[in-house]
Amino acid sequence: MVKIEKLLVPPFEIEVHYKRIENIYLRVKPDGKLMISAPFGISQDYLTKFINSRNSWILAKQQKMFERQEAAIKLEEDEMLLFGKPFKGNLSETELQKLLHEKITRYHEKYWHFFKAQGCSPIEIKYRMMKRTWGICRPTARMITFNKRLVHQPDTFIEYVVLHELCHLLIPNHSKDFYELVASHMPHFRQYEKNGSLYFRE
């Protein structure tokens, strides 16, 4: 049995997995997000102190991952990754964002009928370069912001990110119910989630 909750320890947002274990395990995931495995019954105050005591280590680990990402994207002098595949040529930032917007719009339209049926009003989609997340959903503002770096990721990973952020319109956390909602539309989302890590460390 696993209980999943979200813990905010600025500037970090941590996904806490409560399990039948005795120790605390901290993991910086390939996308830079934090996950803790912790024993049932441990207080959030204790976990907050635990995170704060490792602040420098976390930031250094995240920075290293993002540096590896940059290195992975720069293949050869005249090559780049475009949707997970080597591409020769030069594309401007405007052209890259146009291609990414077309891709994200396609996946948004694929799932929007469900969210519209649940009472979700139209959203605004924005893009910006981000270091610690692939997307940010602000349900009250009816806005989702996607990381411009997604243009380098495989299609399946982009689709997962779009669905993930759309699901936050209904469930603004990473609870068990949230992941069940994601799985109801994308049963194998864990595998798709991993597809992006090949190009994020990567």
N, C-alpha and C. Protein backbone atom coordinates (compact mmCIF):
# COMPACT_ATOMS: atom_id res chain seq x y z
N MET A 1 0.84 -1.20 0.00
CA MET A 1 0.00 0.00 0.00
C MET A 1 0.88 1.25 0.00
N VAL A 2 0.56 2.17 -0.89
CA VAL A 2 1.32 3.41 -1.00
C VAL A 2 0.36 4.59 -0.98
N LYS A 3 0.67 5.56 -0.15
CA LYS A 3 -0.11 6.79 -0.08
C LYS A 3 0.74 7.92 -0.63
N ILE A 4 0.20 8.66 -1.60
CA ILE A 4 0.97 9.71 -2.26
C ILE A 4 0.40 11.08 -1.91
N GLU A 5 1.28 11.98 -1.49
CA GLU A 5 0.89 13.34 -1.18
C GLU A 5 1.91 14.31 -1.75
N LYS A 6 1.51 15.57 -1.84
CA LYS A 6 2.42 16.61 -2.31
C LYS A 6 2.86 17.46 -1.11
N LEU A 7 4.14 17.78 -1.09
CA LEU A 7 4.71 18.60 -0.02
C LEU A 7 5.42 19.79 -0.64
N LEU A 8 5.07 20.99 -0.20
CA LEU A 8 5.72 22.20 -0.70
C LEU A 8 6.74 22.69 0.32
N VAL A 9 7.99 22.73 -0.14
CA VAL A 9 9.09 23.28 0.66
C VAL A 9 9.83 24.22 -0.27
N PRO A 10 9.37 25.48 -0.37
CA PRO A 10 9.95 26.42 -1.34
C PRO A 10 11.48 26.39 -1.35
N PRO A 11 12.09 26.33 -2.55
CA PRO A 11 11.46 26.41 -3.88
C PRO A 11 11.06 25.07 -4.46
N PHE A 12 10.96 24.06 -3.62
CA PHE A 12 10.72 22.71 -4.11
C PHE A 12 9.27 22.26 -3.92
N GLU A 13 8.83 21.43 -4.85
CA GLU A 13 7.56 20.71 -4.70
C GLU A 13 7.93 19.23 -4.72
N ILE A 14 7.60 18.53 -3.66
CA ILE A 14 8.04 17.14 -3.51
C ILE A 14 6.85 16.20 -3.54
N GLU A 15 7.01 15.11 -4.25
CA GLU A 15 6.01 14.05 -4.26
C GLU A 15 6.42 13.04 -3.20
N VAL A 16 5.59 12.89 -2.17
CA VAL A 16 5.93 12.00 -1.06
C VAL A 16 5.15 10.70 -1.18
N HIS A 17 5.87 9.59 -1.18
CA HIS A 17 5.26 8.26 -1.23
C HIS A 17 5.42 7.62 0.15
N TYR A 18 4.31 7.50 0.86
CA TYR A 18 4.34 6.86 2.17
C TYR A 18 4.20 5.35 1.99
N LYS A 19 5.17 4.62 2.56
CA LYS A 19 5.20 3.17 2.37
C LYS A 19 5.49 2.47 3.70
N ARG A 20 5.41 1.17 3.66
CA ARG A 20 5.77 0.38 4.84
C ARG A 20 7.28 0.15 4.84
N ILE A 21 8.01 1.21 5.13
CA ILE A 21 9.47 1.15 5.20
C ILE A 21 9.93 1.83 6.48
N GLU A 22 11.21 1.74 6.77
CA GLU A 22 11.71 2.30 8.02
C GLU A 22 12.51 3.58 7.82
N ASN A 23 13.08 3.77 6.64
CA ASN A 23 13.93 4.93 6.40
C ASN A 23 13.33 5.87 5.36
N ILE A 24 13.95 7.06 5.24
CA ILE A 24 13.53 8.06 4.27
C ILE A 24 14.50 8.01 3.08
N TYR A 25 13.95 8.02 1.87
CA TYR A 25 14.77 7.99 0.67
C TYR A 25 14.39 9.18 -0.21
N LEU A 26 15.37 9.98 -0.57
CA LEU A 26 15.16 11.14 -1.42
C LEU A 26 15.71 10.87 -2.80
N ARG A 27 14.93 11.17 -3.83
CA ARG A 27 15.36 10.94 -5.21
C ARG A 27 15.09 12.18 -6.05
N VAL A 28 16.09 12.58 -6.81
CA VAL A 28 15.91 13.63 -7.81
C VAL A 28 15.66 12.92 -9.13
N LYS A 29 14.46 13.02 -9.65
CA LYS A 29 14.08 12.31 -10.87
C LYS A 29 14.75 12.93 -12.10
N PRO A 30 14.78 12.21 -13.21
CA PRO A 30 15.44 12.71 -14.42
C PRO A 30 14.94 14.07 -14.90
N ASP A 31 13.66 14.40 -14.60
CA ASP A 31 13.14 15.70 -15.02
C ASP A 31 13.40 16.78 -13.97
N GLY A 32 14.18 16.44 -12.92
CA GLY A 32 14.53 17.41 -11.90
C GLY A 32 13.56 17.47 -10.74
N LYS A 33 12.44 16.77 -10.84
CA LYS A 33 11.46 16.79 -9.76
C LYS A 33 11.92 15.90 -8.61
N LEU A 34 11.39 16.18 -7.42
CA LEU A 34 11.81 15.46 -6.22
C LEU A 34 10.76 14.45 -5.79
N MET A 35 11.23 13.32 -5.33
CA MET A 35 10.34 12.29 -4.80
C MET A 35 10.95 11.73 -3.52
N ILE A 36 10.14 11.59 -2.50
CA ILE A 36 10.58 11.02 -1.24
C ILE A 36 9.76 9.77 -0.95
N SER A 37 10.43 8.73 -0.53
CA SER A 37 9.76 7.55 0.02
C SER A 37 9.95 7.63 1.53
N ALA A 38 8.84 7.59 2.26
CA ALA A 38 8.92 7.79 3.71
C ALA A 38 7.99 6.82 4.43
N PRO A 39 8.30 6.51 5.70
CA PRO A 39 7.45 5.61 6.48
C PRO A 39 6.10 6.26 6.78
N PHE A 40 5.07 5.47 6.89
CA PHE A 40 3.77 5.96 7.33
C PHE A 40 3.92 6.61 8.71
N GLY A 41 3.20 7.71 8.93
CA GLY A 41 3.18 8.32 10.25
C GLY A 41 4.20 9.42 10.46
N ILE A 42 5.16 9.55 9.56
CA ILE A 42 6.17 10.59 9.74
C ILE A 42 5.54 11.95 9.43
N SER A 43 5.89 12.97 10.18
CA SER A 43 5.24 14.27 10.05
C SER A 43 5.81 15.07 8.88
N GLN A 44 4.99 16.00 8.36
CA GLN A 44 5.46 16.86 7.29
C GLN A 44 6.52 17.83 7.81
N ASP A 45 6.42 18.20 9.08
CA ASP A 45 7.45 19.07 9.67
C ASP A 45 8.82 18.40 9.60
N TYR A 46 8.85 17.12 9.91
CA TYR A 46 10.12 16.38 9.87
C TYR A 46 10.65 16.31 8.45
N LEU A 47 9.74 16.04 7.49
CA LEU A 47 10.16 15.96 6.10
C LEU A 47 10.63 17.32 5.58
N THR A 48 9.99 18.39 6.05
CA THR A 48 10.41 19.74 5.65
C THR A 48 11.84 20.01 6.13
N LYS A 49 12.14 19.66 7.37
CA LYS A 49 13.49 19.83 7.90
C LYS A 49 14.47 18.95 7.13
N PHE A 50 14.04 17.77 6.77
CA PHE A 50 14.88 16.84 6.01
C PHE A 50 15.26 17.46 4.66
N ILE A 51 14.28 18.05 3.97
CA ILE A 51 14.52 18.67 2.67
C ILE A 51 15.43 19.89 2.82
N ASN A 52 15.13 20.73 3.81
CA ASN A 52 15.93 21.94 4.00
C ASN A 52 17.39 21.62 4.31
N SER A 53 17.62 20.51 5.00
CA SER A 53 18.99 20.14 5.35
C SER A 53 19.78 19.68 4.13
N ARG A 54 19.06 19.36 3.06
CA ARG A 54 19.71 18.88 1.83
C ARG A 54 19.52 19.84 0.67
N ASN A 55 19.19 21.08 0.98
CA ASN A 55 18.91 22.08 -0.04
C ASN A 55 20.03 22.21 -1.06
N SER A 56 21.27 22.38 -0.59
CA SER A 56 22.40 22.58 -1.49
C SER A 56 22.62 21.36 -2.38
N TRP A 57 22.50 20.17 -1.80
CA TRP A 57 22.69 18.94 -2.57
C TRP A 57 21.65 18.82 -3.66
N ILE A 58 20.39 19.15 -3.34
CA ILE A 58 19.31 19.05 -4.32
C ILE A 58 19.55 20.00 -5.49
N LEU A 59 19.88 21.25 -5.17
CA LEU A 59 20.10 22.24 -6.23
C LEU A 59 21.26 21.83 -7.14
N ALA A 60 22.33 21.29 -6.52
CA ALA A 60 23.48 20.86 -7.30
C ALA A 60 23.11 19.69 -8.21
N LYS A 61 22.33 18.77 -7.68
CA LYS A 61 21.90 17.60 -8.45
C LYS A 61 21.01 18.02 -9.63
N GLN A 62 20.07 18.93 -9.35
CA GLN A 62 19.19 19.41 -10.42
C GLN A 62 19.99 20.13 -11.50
N GLN A 63 20.92 20.98 -11.09
CA GLN A 63 21.72 21.71 -12.05
C GLN A 63 22.53 20.77 -12.93
N LYS A 64 23.07 19.72 -12.34
CA LYS A 64 23.85 18.75 -13.10
C LYS A 64 23.00 18.06 -14.15
N MET A 65 21.76 17.75 -13.78
CA MET A 65 20.86 17.09 -14.72
C MET A 65 20.52 18.00 -15.89
N PHE A 66 20.27 19.28 -15.59
CA PHE A 66 19.93 20.20 -16.66
C PHE A 66 21.11 20.48 -17.57
N GLU A 67 22.31 20.47 -17.02
CA GLU A 67 23.51 20.63 -17.84
C GLU A 67 23.67 19.43 -18.77
N ARG A 68 23.37 18.24 -18.26
CA ARG A 68 23.44 17.05 -19.11
C ARG A 68 22.41 17.12 -20.22
N GLN A 69 21.25 17.69 -19.89
CA GLN A 69 20.22 17.84 -20.90
C GLN A 69 20.70 18.72 -22.03
N GLU A 70 21.31 19.84 -21.69
CA GLU A 70 21.80 20.75 -22.71
C GLU A 70 22.84 20.05 -23.59
N ALA A 71 23.71 19.27 -22.95
CA ALA A 71 24.74 18.56 -23.70
C ALA A 71 24.13 17.52 -24.64
N ALA A 72 23.04 16.88 -24.19
CA ALA A 72 22.41 15.85 -24.99
C ALA A 72 21.73 16.44 -26.23
N ILE A 73 21.18 17.64 -26.08
CA ILE A 73 20.48 18.28 -27.18
C ILE A 73 21.45 18.72 -28.27
N LYS A 74 22.63 19.15 -27.90
CA LYS A 74 23.63 19.61 -28.86
C LYS A 74 24.42 18.40 -29.37
N LEU A 75 23.98 17.86 -30.49
CA LEU A 75 24.61 16.66 -31.02
C LEU A 75 25.88 17.01 -31.79
N GLU A 76 25.73 17.50 -32.99
CA GLU A 76 26.85 18.00 -33.77
C GLU A 76 26.60 19.48 -34.01
N GLU A 77 27.56 20.11 -34.60
CA GLU A 77 27.45 21.56 -34.79
C GLU A 77 26.21 21.93 -35.59
N ASP A 78 25.83 21.10 -36.55
CA ASP A 78 24.69 21.43 -37.40
C ASP A 78 23.50 20.52 -37.12
N GLU A 79 23.48 19.88 -35.94
CA GLU A 79 22.38 18.98 -35.60
C GLU A 79 21.72 19.38 -34.29
N MET A 80 20.47 18.99 -34.17
CA MET A 80 19.74 19.17 -32.92
C MET A 80 18.70 18.07 -32.84
N LEU A 81 18.10 17.90 -31.69
CA LEU A 81 17.01 16.94 -31.55
C LEU A 81 15.70 17.68 -31.79
N LEU A 82 14.93 17.19 -32.72
CA LEU A 82 13.61 17.74 -32.99
C LEU A 82 12.61 16.63 -32.78
N PHE A 83 11.81 16.76 -31.73
CA PHE A 83 10.85 15.72 -31.34
C PHE A 83 11.53 14.36 -31.18
N GLY A 84 12.71 14.40 -30.54
CA GLY A 84 13.40 13.17 -30.19
C GLY A 84 14.26 12.56 -31.28
N LYS A 85 14.32 13.23 -32.44
CA LYS A 85 15.09 12.67 -33.56
C LYS A 85 16.11 13.69 -34.06
N PRO A 86 17.30 13.22 -34.48
CA PRO A 86 18.31 14.15 -34.99
C PRO A 86 17.79 14.93 -36.18
N PHE A 87 18.08 16.22 -36.18
CA PHE A 87 17.63 17.10 -37.26
C PHE A 87 18.79 18.00 -37.67
N LYS A 88 19.08 18.01 -38.97
CA LYS A 88 20.15 18.87 -39.49
C LYS A 88 19.53 20.15 -40.03
N GLY A 89 20.09 21.26 -39.62
CA GLY A 89 19.58 22.54 -40.09
C GLY A 89 19.41 23.51 -38.94
N ASN A 90 19.09 24.73 -39.29
CA ASN A 90 18.91 25.78 -38.30
C ASN A 90 17.46 26.24 -38.29
N LEU A 91 16.84 26.17 -37.13
CA LEU A 91 15.49 26.67 -36.96
C LEU A 91 15.51 27.77 -35.92
N SER A 92 14.81 28.84 -36.18
CA SER A 92 14.76 29.94 -35.23
C SER A 92 13.89 29.55 -34.04
N GLU A 93 13.99 30.33 -32.97
CA GLU A 93 13.16 30.07 -31.80
C GLU A 93 11.69 30.18 -32.15
N THR A 94 11.36 31.12 -33.03
CA THR A 94 9.96 31.29 -33.46
C THR A 94 9.47 30.06 -34.21
N GLU A 95 10.32 29.52 -35.08
CA GLU A 95 9.94 28.32 -35.84
C GLU A 95 9.79 27.11 -34.93
N LEU A 96 10.70 26.97 -33.96
CA LEU A 96 10.61 25.86 -33.02
C LEU A 96 9.34 25.94 -32.19
N GLN A 97 9.00 27.14 -31.73
CA GLN A 97 7.80 27.29 -30.91
C GLN A 97 6.55 27.01 -31.73
N LYS A 98 6.56 27.39 -33.01
CA LYS A 98 5.42 27.11 -33.88
C LYS A 98 5.22 25.61 -34.03
N LEU A 99 6.31 24.88 -34.24
CA LEU A 99 6.22 23.42 -34.37
C LEU A 99 5.74 22.78 -33.08
N LEU A 100 6.25 23.27 -31.95
CA LEU A 100 5.83 22.73 -30.66
C LEU A 100 4.36 23.03 -30.41
N HIS A 101 3.93 24.25 -30.73
CA HIS A 101 2.52 24.62 -30.51
C HIS A 101 1.59 23.73 -31.35
N GLU A 102 1.99 23.43 -32.58
CA GLU A 102 1.16 22.57 -33.42
C GLU A 102 1.04 21.18 -32.80
N LYS A 103 2.15 20.69 -32.26
CA LYS A 103 2.15 19.36 -31.64
C LYS A 103 1.28 19.35 -30.39
N ILE A 104 1.47 20.33 -29.54
CA ILE A 104 0.71 20.39 -28.28
C ILE A 104 -0.77 20.62 -28.55
N THR A 105 -1.09 21.44 -29.54
CA THR A 105 -2.49 21.67 -29.90
C THR A 105 -3.16 20.38 -30.33
N ARG A 106 -2.44 19.56 -31.06
CA ARG A 106 -2.99 18.27 -31.51
C ARG A 106 -3.35 17.39 -30.32
N TYR A 107 -2.45 17.32 -29.33
CA TYR A 107 -2.73 16.48 -28.17
C TYR A 107 -3.78 17.10 -27.26
N HIS A 108 -3.79 18.41 -27.19
CA HIS A 108 -4.82 19.09 -26.40
C HIS A 108 -6.20 18.78 -26.95
N GLU A 109 -6.33 18.86 -28.28
CA GLU A 109 -7.62 18.57 -28.92
C GLU A 109 -8.02 17.11 -28.75
N LYS A 110 -7.03 16.23 -28.70
CA LYS A 110 -7.31 14.80 -28.54
C LYS A 110 -8.04 14.51 -27.23
N TYR A 111 -7.66 15.22 -26.16
CA TYR A 111 -8.22 14.94 -24.84
C TYR A 111 -9.25 15.96 -24.37
N TRP A 112 -9.36 17.08 -25.04
CA TRP A 112 -10.17 18.18 -24.51
C TRP A 112 -11.64 17.84 -24.38
N HIS A 113 -12.16 16.99 -25.26
CA HIS A 113 -13.59 16.68 -25.17
C HIS A 113 -13.96 16.13 -23.80
N PHE A 114 -13.06 15.34 -23.20
CA PHE A 114 -13.33 14.79 -21.87
C PHE A 114 -13.35 15.90 -20.82
N PHE A 115 -12.35 16.76 -20.84
CA PHE A 115 -12.26 17.81 -19.82
C PHE A 115 -13.37 18.85 -19.98
N LYS A 116 -13.77 19.10 -21.21
CA LYS A 116 -14.89 20.00 -21.45
C LYS A 116 -16.16 19.41 -20.87
N ALA A 117 -16.33 18.09 -21.01
CA ALA A 117 -17.51 17.42 -20.47
C ALA A 117 -17.54 17.45 -18.94
N GLN A 118 -16.37 17.61 -18.32
CA GLN A 118 -16.29 17.69 -16.86
C GLN A 118 -16.50 19.11 -16.36
N GLY A 119 -16.78 20.03 -17.27
CA GLY A 119 -17.06 21.41 -16.87
C GLY A 119 -15.88 22.36 -16.96
N CYS A 120 -14.77 21.90 -17.54
CA CYS A 120 -13.59 22.77 -17.66
C CYS A 120 -13.83 23.81 -18.76
N SER A 121 -13.57 25.06 -18.45
CA SER A 121 -13.69 26.12 -19.45
C SER A 121 -12.41 26.20 -20.25
N PRO A 122 -12.44 26.85 -21.41
CA PRO A 122 -11.25 26.93 -22.27
C PRO A 122 -10.04 27.48 -21.52
N ILE A 123 -8.86 26.99 -21.92
CA ILE A 123 -7.63 27.42 -21.26
C ILE A 123 -6.75 28.19 -22.23
N GLU A 124 -5.83 28.94 -21.66
CA GLU A 124 -4.82 29.64 -22.44
C GLU A 124 -3.53 28.84 -22.35
N ILE A 125 -2.87 28.65 -23.47
CA ILE A 125 -1.61 27.91 -23.51
C ILE A 125 -0.47 28.88 -23.76
N LYS A 126 0.55 28.79 -22.92
CA LYS A 126 1.72 29.64 -23.06
C LYS A 126 2.98 28.80 -23.08
N TYR A 127 4.10 29.42 -23.45
CA TYR A 127 5.38 28.72 -23.52
C TYR A 127 6.47 29.61 -22.93
N ARG A 128 7.38 28.98 -22.22
CA ARG A 128 8.59 29.69 -21.77
C ARG A 128 9.66 28.66 -21.42
N MET A 129 10.89 29.12 -21.38
CA MET A 129 11.99 28.24 -21.03
C MET A 129 12.00 28.05 -19.53
N MET A 130 11.97 26.80 -19.08
CA MET A 130 11.95 26.50 -17.64
C MET A 130 13.02 25.48 -17.31
N LYS A 131 13.57 25.55 -16.12
CA LYS A 131 14.66 24.68 -15.72
C LYS A 131 14.21 23.49 -14.89
N ARG A 132 13.06 23.58 -14.23
CA ARG A 132 12.74 22.54 -13.25
C ARG A 132 11.42 21.82 -13.49
N THR A 133 10.76 22.12 -14.57
CA THR A 133 9.50 21.43 -14.82
C THR A 133 9.18 21.47 -16.31
N TRP A 134 8.39 20.51 -16.76
CA TRP A 134 7.99 20.46 -18.17
C TRP A 134 6.71 21.24 -18.40
N GLY A 135 5.93 21.45 -17.34
CA GLY A 135 4.68 22.18 -17.52
C GLY A 135 4.15 22.69 -16.19
N ILE A 136 3.38 23.74 -16.25
CA ILE A 136 2.75 24.30 -15.05
C ILE A 136 1.29 24.56 -15.37
N CYS A 137 0.40 24.00 -14.57
CA CYS A 137 -1.03 24.22 -14.74
C CYS A 137 -1.53 25.12 -13.61
N ARG A 138 -2.24 26.18 -13.98
CA ARG A 138 -2.86 27.08 -13.00
C ARG A 138 -4.37 27.03 -13.24
N PRO A 139 -5.04 26.09 -12.56
CA PRO A 139 -6.48 25.88 -12.81
C PRO A 139 -7.33 27.14 -12.63
N THR A 140 -7.06 27.93 -11.58
CA THR A 140 -7.88 29.11 -11.32
C THR A 140 -7.68 30.18 -12.40
N ALA A 141 -6.49 30.22 -12.99
CA ALA A 141 -6.22 31.19 -14.05
C ALA A 141 -6.57 30.63 -15.43
N ARG A 142 -6.97 29.36 -15.47
CA ARG A 142 -7.27 28.67 -16.73
C ARG A 142 -6.11 28.79 -17.70
N MET A 143 -4.93 28.44 -17.21
CA MET A 143 -3.72 28.60 -18.01
C MET A 143 -2.77 27.44 -17.80
N ILE A 144 -2.16 26.96 -18.88
CA ILE A 144 -1.11 25.96 -18.80
C ILE A 144 0.11 26.50 -19.54
N THR A 145 1.26 26.47 -18.88
CA THR A 145 2.50 26.91 -19.49
C THR A 145 3.39 25.70 -19.73
N PHE A 146 3.86 25.55 -20.96
CA PHE A 146 4.72 24.42 -21.31
C PHE A 146 6.16 24.89 -21.52
N ASN A 147 7.08 24.00 -21.15
CA ASN A 147 8.50 24.27 -21.32
C ASN A 147 8.85 24.22 -22.81
N LYS A 148 9.53 25.26 -23.30
CA LYS A 148 9.92 25.29 -24.70
C LYS A 148 10.85 24.14 -25.07
N ARG A 149 11.54 23.58 -24.07
CA ARG A 149 12.46 22.47 -24.33
C ARG A 149 11.73 21.20 -24.79
N LEU A 150 10.42 21.18 -24.63
CA LEU A 150 9.66 20.01 -25.06
C LEU A 150 9.81 19.75 -26.56
N VAL A 151 10.17 20.77 -27.33
CA VAL A 151 10.32 20.60 -28.76
C VAL A 151 11.41 19.56 -29.09
N HIS A 152 12.29 19.28 -28.13
CA HIS A 152 13.35 18.30 -28.35
C HIS A 152 12.95 16.89 -27.91
N GLN A 153 11.78 16.75 -27.29
CA GLN A 153 11.39 15.48 -26.70
C GLN A 153 10.57 14.63 -27.66
N PRO A 154 10.53 13.31 -27.43
CA PRO A 154 9.73 12.42 -28.29
C PRO A 154 8.24 12.73 -28.19
N ASP A 155 7.51 12.38 -29.24
CA ASP A 155 6.07 12.66 -29.28
C ASP A 155 5.33 12.06 -28.09
N THR A 156 5.65 10.81 -27.74
CA THR A 156 4.92 10.15 -26.66
C THR A 156 5.11 10.87 -25.33
N PHE A 157 6.29 11.43 -25.12
CA PHE A 157 6.54 12.17 -23.90
C PHE A 157 5.77 13.48 -23.89
N ILE A 158 5.74 14.17 -25.02
CA ILE A 158 4.99 15.42 -25.12
C ILE A 158 3.51 15.17 -24.85
N GLU A 159 2.98 14.10 -25.44
CA GLU A 159 1.57 13.78 -25.21
C GLU A 159 1.31 13.53 -23.74
N TYR A 160 2.22 12.81 -23.08
CA TYR A 160 2.07 12.56 -21.65
C TYR A 160 2.05 13.86 -20.86
N VAL A 161 2.95 14.78 -21.17
CA VAL A 161 3.02 16.05 -20.45
C VAL A 161 1.73 16.85 -20.64
N VAL A 162 1.21 16.87 -21.86
CA VAL A 162 -0.05 17.59 -22.13
C VAL A 162 -1.18 16.99 -21.30
N LEU A 163 -1.31 15.68 -21.33
CA LEU A 163 -2.36 15.02 -20.56
C LEU A 163 -2.18 15.26 -19.06
N HIS A 164 -0.94 15.15 -18.60
CA HIS A 164 -0.62 15.37 -17.18
C HIS A 164 -1.12 16.75 -16.73
N GLU A 165 -0.80 17.78 -17.50
CA GLU A 165 -1.19 19.13 -17.10
C GLU A 165 -2.70 19.33 -17.22
N LEU A 166 -3.33 18.74 -18.21
CA LEU A 166 -4.78 18.84 -18.33
C LEU A 166 -5.47 18.21 -17.13
N CYS A 167 -4.94 17.10 -16.65
CA CYS A 167 -5.54 16.42 -15.50
C CYS A 167 -5.48 17.29 -14.24
N HIS A 168 -4.49 18.19 -14.20
CA HIS A 168 -4.40 19.10 -13.06
C HIS A 168 -5.55 20.11 -13.04
N LEU A 169 -6.25 20.27 -14.14
CA LEU A 169 -7.42 21.13 -14.14
C LEU A 169 -8.50 20.57 -13.22
N LEU A 170 -8.51 19.26 -13.09
CA LEU A 170 -9.51 18.59 -12.24
C LEU A 170 -8.96 18.21 -10.87
N ILE A 171 -7.69 17.83 -10.82
CA ILE A 171 -7.05 17.43 -9.56
C ILE A 171 -5.71 18.13 -9.46
N PRO A 172 -5.62 19.22 -8.69
CA PRO A 172 -4.40 20.03 -8.64
C PRO A 172 -3.32 19.50 -7.71
N ASN A 173 -3.13 18.20 -7.69
CA ASN A 173 -2.07 17.59 -6.86
C ASN A 173 -1.63 16.30 -7.52
N HIS A 174 -0.71 15.59 -6.86
CA HIS A 174 -0.22 14.33 -7.40
C HIS A 174 -0.65 13.17 -6.52
N SER A 175 -1.90 13.15 -6.19
CA SER A 175 -2.46 12.10 -5.35
C SER A 175 -2.70 10.83 -6.17
N LYS A 176 -3.13 9.81 -5.47
CA LYS A 176 -3.46 8.55 -6.14
C LYS A 176 -4.58 8.77 -7.15
N ASP A 177 -5.57 9.58 -6.78
CA ASP A 177 -6.69 9.88 -7.68
C ASP A 177 -6.20 10.56 -8.95
N PHE A 178 -5.20 11.43 -8.80
CA PHE A 178 -4.66 12.12 -9.98
C PHE A 178 -4.06 11.13 -10.96
N TYR A 179 -3.21 10.23 -10.47
CA TYR A 179 -2.56 9.28 -11.37
C TYR A 179 -3.55 8.26 -11.93
N GLU A 180 -4.62 7.99 -11.21
CA GLU A 180 -5.66 7.11 -11.74
C GLU A 180 -6.38 7.81 -12.90
N LEU A 181 -6.55 9.13 -12.78
CA LEU A 181 -7.17 9.89 -13.87
C LEU A 181 -6.27 9.87 -15.10
N VAL A 182 -4.98 10.07 -14.90
CA VAL A 182 -4.03 10.01 -16.02
C VAL A 182 -4.09 8.63 -16.67
N ALA A 183 -4.06 7.59 -15.84
CA ALA A 183 -4.06 6.21 -16.34
C ALA A 183 -5.34 5.85 -17.08
N SER A 184 -6.45 6.50 -16.72
CA SER A 184 -7.71 6.19 -17.39
C SER A 184 -7.67 6.62 -18.87
N HIS A 185 -6.82 7.57 -19.19
CA HIS A 185 -6.66 8.02 -20.57
C HIS A 185 -5.40 7.44 -21.22
N MET A 186 -4.40 7.15 -20.40
CA MET A 186 -3.13 6.66 -20.91
C MET A 186 -2.64 5.56 -19.97
N PRO A 187 -3.14 4.34 -20.14
CA PRO A 187 -2.83 3.25 -19.21
C PRO A 187 -1.34 3.00 -18.99
N HIS A 188 -0.53 3.22 -20.02
CA HIS A 188 0.90 2.94 -19.90
C HIS A 188 1.71 4.23 -19.77
N PHE A 189 1.14 5.20 -19.08
CA PHE A 189 1.80 6.51 -19.00
C PHE A 189 3.16 6.44 -18.34
N ARG A 190 3.38 5.48 -17.44
CA ARG A 190 4.69 5.39 -16.78
C ARG A 190 5.79 5.14 -17.81
N GLN A 191 5.47 4.33 -18.81
CA GLN A 191 6.46 4.06 -19.85
C GLN A 191 6.69 5.30 -20.71
N TYR A 192 5.59 6.00 -21.04
CA TYR A 192 5.72 7.21 -21.84
C TYR A 192 6.46 8.28 -21.07
N GLU A 193 6.24 8.32 -19.76
CA GLU A 193 6.92 9.29 -18.91
C GLU A 193 8.43 9.09 -18.98
N LYS A 194 8.85 7.84 -19.08
CA LYS A 194 10.28 7.53 -19.13
C LYS A 194 10.89 7.89 -20.47
N ASN A 195 10.06 7.94 -21.52
CA ASN A 195 10.60 8.20 -22.85
C ASN A 195 11.34 9.52 -22.93
N GLY A 196 10.88 10.50 -22.15
CA GLY A 196 11.54 11.79 -22.18
C GLY A 196 12.89 11.77 -21.50
N SER A 197 13.09 10.84 -20.58
CA SER A 197 14.34 10.83 -19.83
C SER A 197 15.54 10.49 -20.71
N LEU A 198 15.28 9.83 -21.84
CA LEU A 198 16.39 9.48 -22.74
C LEU A 198 17.07 10.73 -23.27
N TYR A 199 16.32 11.81 -23.32
CA TYR A 199 16.86 13.04 -23.89
C TYR A 199 16.95 14.15 -22.85
N PHE A 200 16.71 13.80 -21.62
CA PHE A 200 16.74 14.81 -20.56
C PHE A 200 18.01 14.70 -19.75
N ARG A 201 18.65 13.57 -19.65
CA ARG A 201 19.90 13.39 -18.95
C ARG A 201 21.01 13.52 -19.88
N GLU A 202 20.13 13.95 -20.45
CA GLU A 202 19.70 13.35 -19.64
C GLU A 202 20.77 13.47 -19.72
